[in-house]
Structure formats: structure tokens, C-alpha cells
Amino acid sequence: MAVRKVVTYPDPILRKRSREVTHIDEKVNQVIQDMLDTMNHYGHSIGISAPQIGENLRIICVDVSRSPHYKKKNHGLIVLINPVITCAEGEKVVREGCLSVPDFVGYVRRNRFVTVKGLTPDGKEVEIEAKHLEAVALQHEIDHLDGILFIDRVDSAKSLMKRADLVKKG
């Protein structure tokens, strides 16, 4: 079990396109376990990508069941290697935050529904259809693999808020 330090903006690894995983070995499995340990350490986190713990690999973990509003409307823990969005539909504007940009939240336009293909940690190809918060979280984490942060997608600079100000407003 290893909780890793979360890489924060403006660290350059957050702007790199991550490398595809060519074979799943002990190192990849250790990275996945470290991602899960780190995500669990931050109780409010519903997703993490390998670059956020300093690994330039195309791996994401998402679990929206950690949110009190989505206990039953999701797939539970999703761990995907080399995830790709194959279908995206609908639009909505949602407020997002990120462990790697800890001081800010902002409003981002995302797709309501996505289909994502990838590999499970045991090498099986899967296709996941997700909606609502789960779709948003998958898009957010896959963006990390392409060097894109939610602050790059905010609707306007005015929609970017300091997290501390949001807490004060209640």
C-alpha cells in the first residue's frame, strides 16, 4: 500500500500525452494499486489518473459511488488501461475540481453520455456505457492522459472560482 504525493499544476507531467501501456506487468499493477491507495486517501476523490501520481501511463481509476448522490447509479470502481472514448452524446455544464488543481473549481461543458473502451487490469477488453457524473469523471480522467486539465475547458475565466471562496459561500 502506497499513498503517493499528488502532482499539482504547473508540473510538466500534467501537460504530457501519456504513453500507452503495451503489456500489463507487476509495475503496471503496482501503479494501479498506488492510484487506488492515493484516491482512497483523499476521501472526496472520485477519480485519478496515472499522471497525477507522476506516472506517464494511460491508466485511470473512477468510482462515483464514493459520492453520496450516486451510490446506486454507476458501475462502481472502474480501472481502465488505455481508455478511449468511442461515443459521446448530449451536453451539460458541470462544476469540476481536481486533486492536481487543488485551489480551484470551475464550470466545464461535458458530454452527458459516453462509451469508453479499454483494458481491465487483467487484460480483458471492456466497453463501458456511462452517464451523468460517471460520464463526466471518465472524460475528466481521460483528459489527464492527453495533458488536458479542467481549467483548460472552463466555459469562461469568470466561471473559475477559488475553492476557499466556494466554501465560504456555503
Protein backbone atom coordinates (compact mmCIF):
# COMPACT_ATOMS: atom_id res chain seq x y z
CA MET A 1 0.00 0.00 0.00
CA ALA A 2 1.45 3.34 -1.07
CA VAL A 3 -0.22 6.69 -0.95
CA ARG A 4 1.67 8.83 -3.43
CA LYS A 5 2.07 12.58 -3.49
CA VAL A 6 -0.41 14.08 -5.96
CA VAL A 7 1.32 16.01 -8.73
CA THR A 8 -0.07 19.55 -8.91
CA TYR A 9 -0.24 22.18 -11.61
CA PRO A 10 2.03 23.52 -13.15
CA ASP A 11 4.14 20.31 -13.06
CA PRO A 12 5.02 19.48 -16.72
CA ILE A 13 3.91 15.82 -16.48
CA LEU A 14 0.32 17.07 -16.31
CA ARG A 15 0.74 18.55 -19.81
CA LYS A 16 2.25 15.47 -21.48
CA ARG A 17 0.35 12.90 -23.50
CA SER A 18 0.70 9.66 -21.56
CA ARG A 19 2.27 6.54 -23.06
CA GLU A 20 0.09 3.57 -23.92
CA VAL A 21 0.57 0.51 -21.75
CA THR A 22 1.97 -2.20 -24.04
CA HIS A 23 1.91 -5.04 -21.53
CA ILE A 24 0.43 -5.42 -18.09
CA ASP A 25 3.14 -6.41 -15.64
CA GLU A 26 3.93 -6.04 -11.95
CA LYS A 27 4.95 -2.39 -12.40
CA VAL A 28 1.59 -1.54 -14.01
CA ASN A 29 -0.26 -3.40 -11.26
CA GLN A 30 1.73 -1.50 -8.62
CA VAL A 31 0.89 1.83 -10.29
CA ILE A 32 -2.80 0.87 -10.25
CA GLN A 33 -2.64 -0.08 -6.56
CA ASP A 34 -0.85 3.18 -5.73
CA MET A 35 -3.51 5.12 -7.66
CA LEU A 36 -6.28 3.41 -5.69
CA ASP A 37 -4.47 3.95 -2.38
CA THR A 38 -3.95 7.62 -3.22
CA MET A 39 -7.55 8.11 -4.35
CA ASN A 40 -8.82 6.43 -1.18
CA HIS A 41 -6.56 8.63 0.94
CA TYR A 42 -8.48 11.65 -0.38
CA GLY A 43 -11.99 10.68 0.70
CA HIS A 44 -13.69 13.18 -1.64
CA SER A 45 -11.90 11.95 -4.78
CA ILE A 46 -13.97 10.09 -7.38
CA GLY A 47 -11.17 9.63 -9.90
CA ILE A 48 -7.43 9.69 -10.54
CA SER A 49 -5.11 9.22 -13.49
CA ALA A 50 -1.58 7.86 -13.57
CA PRO A 51 -0.01 11.25 -14.43
CA GLN A 52 -1.45 12.64 -11.20
CA ILE A 53 0.89 10.35 -9.25
CA GLY A 54 3.83 11.04 -11.57
CA GLU A 55 3.43 8.09 -13.93
CA ASN A 56 3.33 8.78 -17.68
CA LEU A 57 0.97 5.86 -18.40
CA ARG A 58 -2.56 5.69 -19.84
CA ILE A 59 -4.35 4.38 -16.74
CA ILE A 60 -7.40 5.80 -14.94
CA CYS A 61 -9.47 4.89 -11.89
CA VAL A 62 -13.02 6.19 -11.39
CA ASP A 63 -15.52 5.41 -8.64
CA VAL A 64 -18.52 7.75 -8.40
CA SER A 65 -20.14 5.50 -5.79
CA ARG A 66 -17.94 7.50 -3.39
CA SER A 67 -20.33 10.41 -3.98
CA PRO A 68 -23.37 10.37 -1.68
CA HIS A 69 -25.70 11.16 -4.61
CA TYR A 70 -24.56 8.30 -6.88
CA LYS A 71 -24.45 5.23 -4.64
CA LYS A 72 -26.56 3.04 -6.96
CA LYS A 73 -26.43 4.73 -10.38
CA ASN A 74 -23.00 3.62 -11.56
CA HIS A 75 -20.57 0.80 -12.33
CA GLY A 76 -18.68 1.05 -9.02
CA LEU A 77 -14.91 1.05 -9.26
CA ILE A 78 -13.66 1.33 -12.84
CA VAL A 79 -9.97 0.78 -13.58
CA LEU A 80 -9.08 1.17 -17.24
CA ILE A 81 -5.83 0.85 -19.11
CA ASN A 82 -5.54 2.70 -22.45
CA PRO A 83 -9.10 4.06 -22.26
CA VAL A 84 -10.65 5.60 -25.38
CA ILE A 85 -13.97 7.41 -25.71
CA THR A 86 -15.73 5.79 -28.66
CA CYS A 87 -19.06 7.59 -28.41
CA ALA A 88 -20.17 10.81 -26.74
CA GLU A 89 -23.64 12.38 -26.72
CA GLY A 90 -25.50 15.28 -25.17
CA GLU A 91 -24.05 18.23 -23.35
CA LYS A 92 -24.19 19.64 -19.88
CA VAL A 93 -22.25 22.17 -17.86
CA VAL A 94 -20.90 20.83 -14.58
CA ARG A 95 -18.75 22.17 -11.78
CA GLU A 96 -15.44 20.33 -11.57
CA GLY A 97 -12.45 20.28 -9.30
CA CYS A 98 -9.25 18.27 -9.35
CA LEU A 99 -6.66 16.94 -6.92
CA SER A 100 -3.98 18.35 -9.24
CA VAL A 101 -5.51 21.84 -9.24
CA PRO A 102 -6.48 21.89 -5.58
CA ASP A 103 -7.30 25.56 -5.13
CA PHE A 104 -9.87 25.97 -7.91
CA VAL A 105 -13.20 24.71 -9.21
CA GLY A 106 -14.88 25.73 -12.44
CA TYR A 107 -17.77 25.12 -14.80
CA VAL A 108 -16.95 22.82 -17.73
CA ARG A 109 -19.01 21.65 -20.70
CA ARG A 110 -19.02 17.84 -20.87
CA ASN A 111 -20.95 15.10 -22.63
CA ARG A 112 -23.86 13.57 -20.71
CA PHE A 113 -23.28 10.05 -22.03
CA VAL A 114 -20.07 8.33 -23.12
CA THR A 115 -18.96 4.91 -24.22
CA VAL A 116 -15.40 4.07 -23.26
CA LYS A 117 -13.30 1.11 -24.35
CA GLY A 118 -10.19 -0.05 -22.55
CA LEU A 119 -8.47 -2.92 -20.82
CA THR A 120 -9.09 -4.15 -17.29
CA PRO A 121 -6.06 -4.82 -15.06
CA ASP A 122 -6.28 -8.49 -16.01
CA GLY A 123 -6.03 -7.61 -19.73
CA LYS A 124 -9.66 -8.10 -20.76
CA GLU A 125 -11.13 -5.63 -23.24
CA VAL A 126 -14.24 -3.90 -21.91
CA GLU A 127 -16.73 -1.33 -23.11
CA ILE A 128 -18.49 0.84 -20.55
CA GLU A 129 -21.53 2.99 -21.17
CA ALA A 130 -21.69 5.76 -18.60
CA LYS A 131 -23.97 8.70 -17.93
CA HIS A 132 -24.17 11.74 -15.70
CA LEU A 133 -21.40 12.07 -13.06
CA GLU A 134 -19.73 8.83 -14.12
CA ALA A 135 -19.51 10.06 -17.74
CA VAL A 136 -18.08 13.37 -16.54
CA ALA A 137 -15.48 11.65 -14.33
CA LEU A 138 -14.36 9.36 -17.17
CA GLN A 139 -13.96 12.35 -19.51
CA HIS A 140 -12.04 14.30 -16.85
CA GLU A 141 -9.59 11.47 -16.19
CA ILE A 142 -9.08 10.64 -19.88
CA ASP A 143 -8.33 14.33 -20.47
CA HIS A 144 -5.47 13.97 -17.96
CA LEU A 145 -3.97 11.27 -20.18
CA ASP A 146 -3.87 13.78 -23.03
CA GLY A 147 -2.33 16.58 -20.96
CA ILE A 148 -5.62 18.47 -20.61
CA LEU A 149 -6.79 19.91 -17.29
CA PHE A 150 -10.31 21.01 -16.42
CA ILE A 151 -9.04 24.60 -16.22
CA ASP A 152 -8.40 24.35 -19.98
CA ARG A 153 -12.08 23.61 -20.54
CA VAL A 154 -13.81 26.16 -18.30
CA ASP A 155 -16.59 28.00 -20.10
CA SER A 156 -15.12 31.38 -19.15
CA ALA A 157 -12.49 32.77 -16.83
CA LYS A 158 -15.34 34.10 -14.69
CA SER A 159 -16.53 30.55 -14.02
CA LEU A 160 -13.21 29.62 -12.39
CA MET A 161 -13.51 30.07 -8.63
CA LYS A 162 -11.16 29.69 -5.70
CA ARG A 163 -12.27 26.67 -3.69
CA ALA A 164 -11.89 28.67 -0.45
CA ASP A 165 -14.41 31.25 -1.70
CA LEU A 166 -16.86 28.48 -2.55
CA VAL A 167 -16.57 27.01 0.95
CA LYS A 168 -17.22 30.46 2.48
CA LYS A 169 -20.42 30.83 0.41
CA GLY A 170 -21.65 27.50 1.75
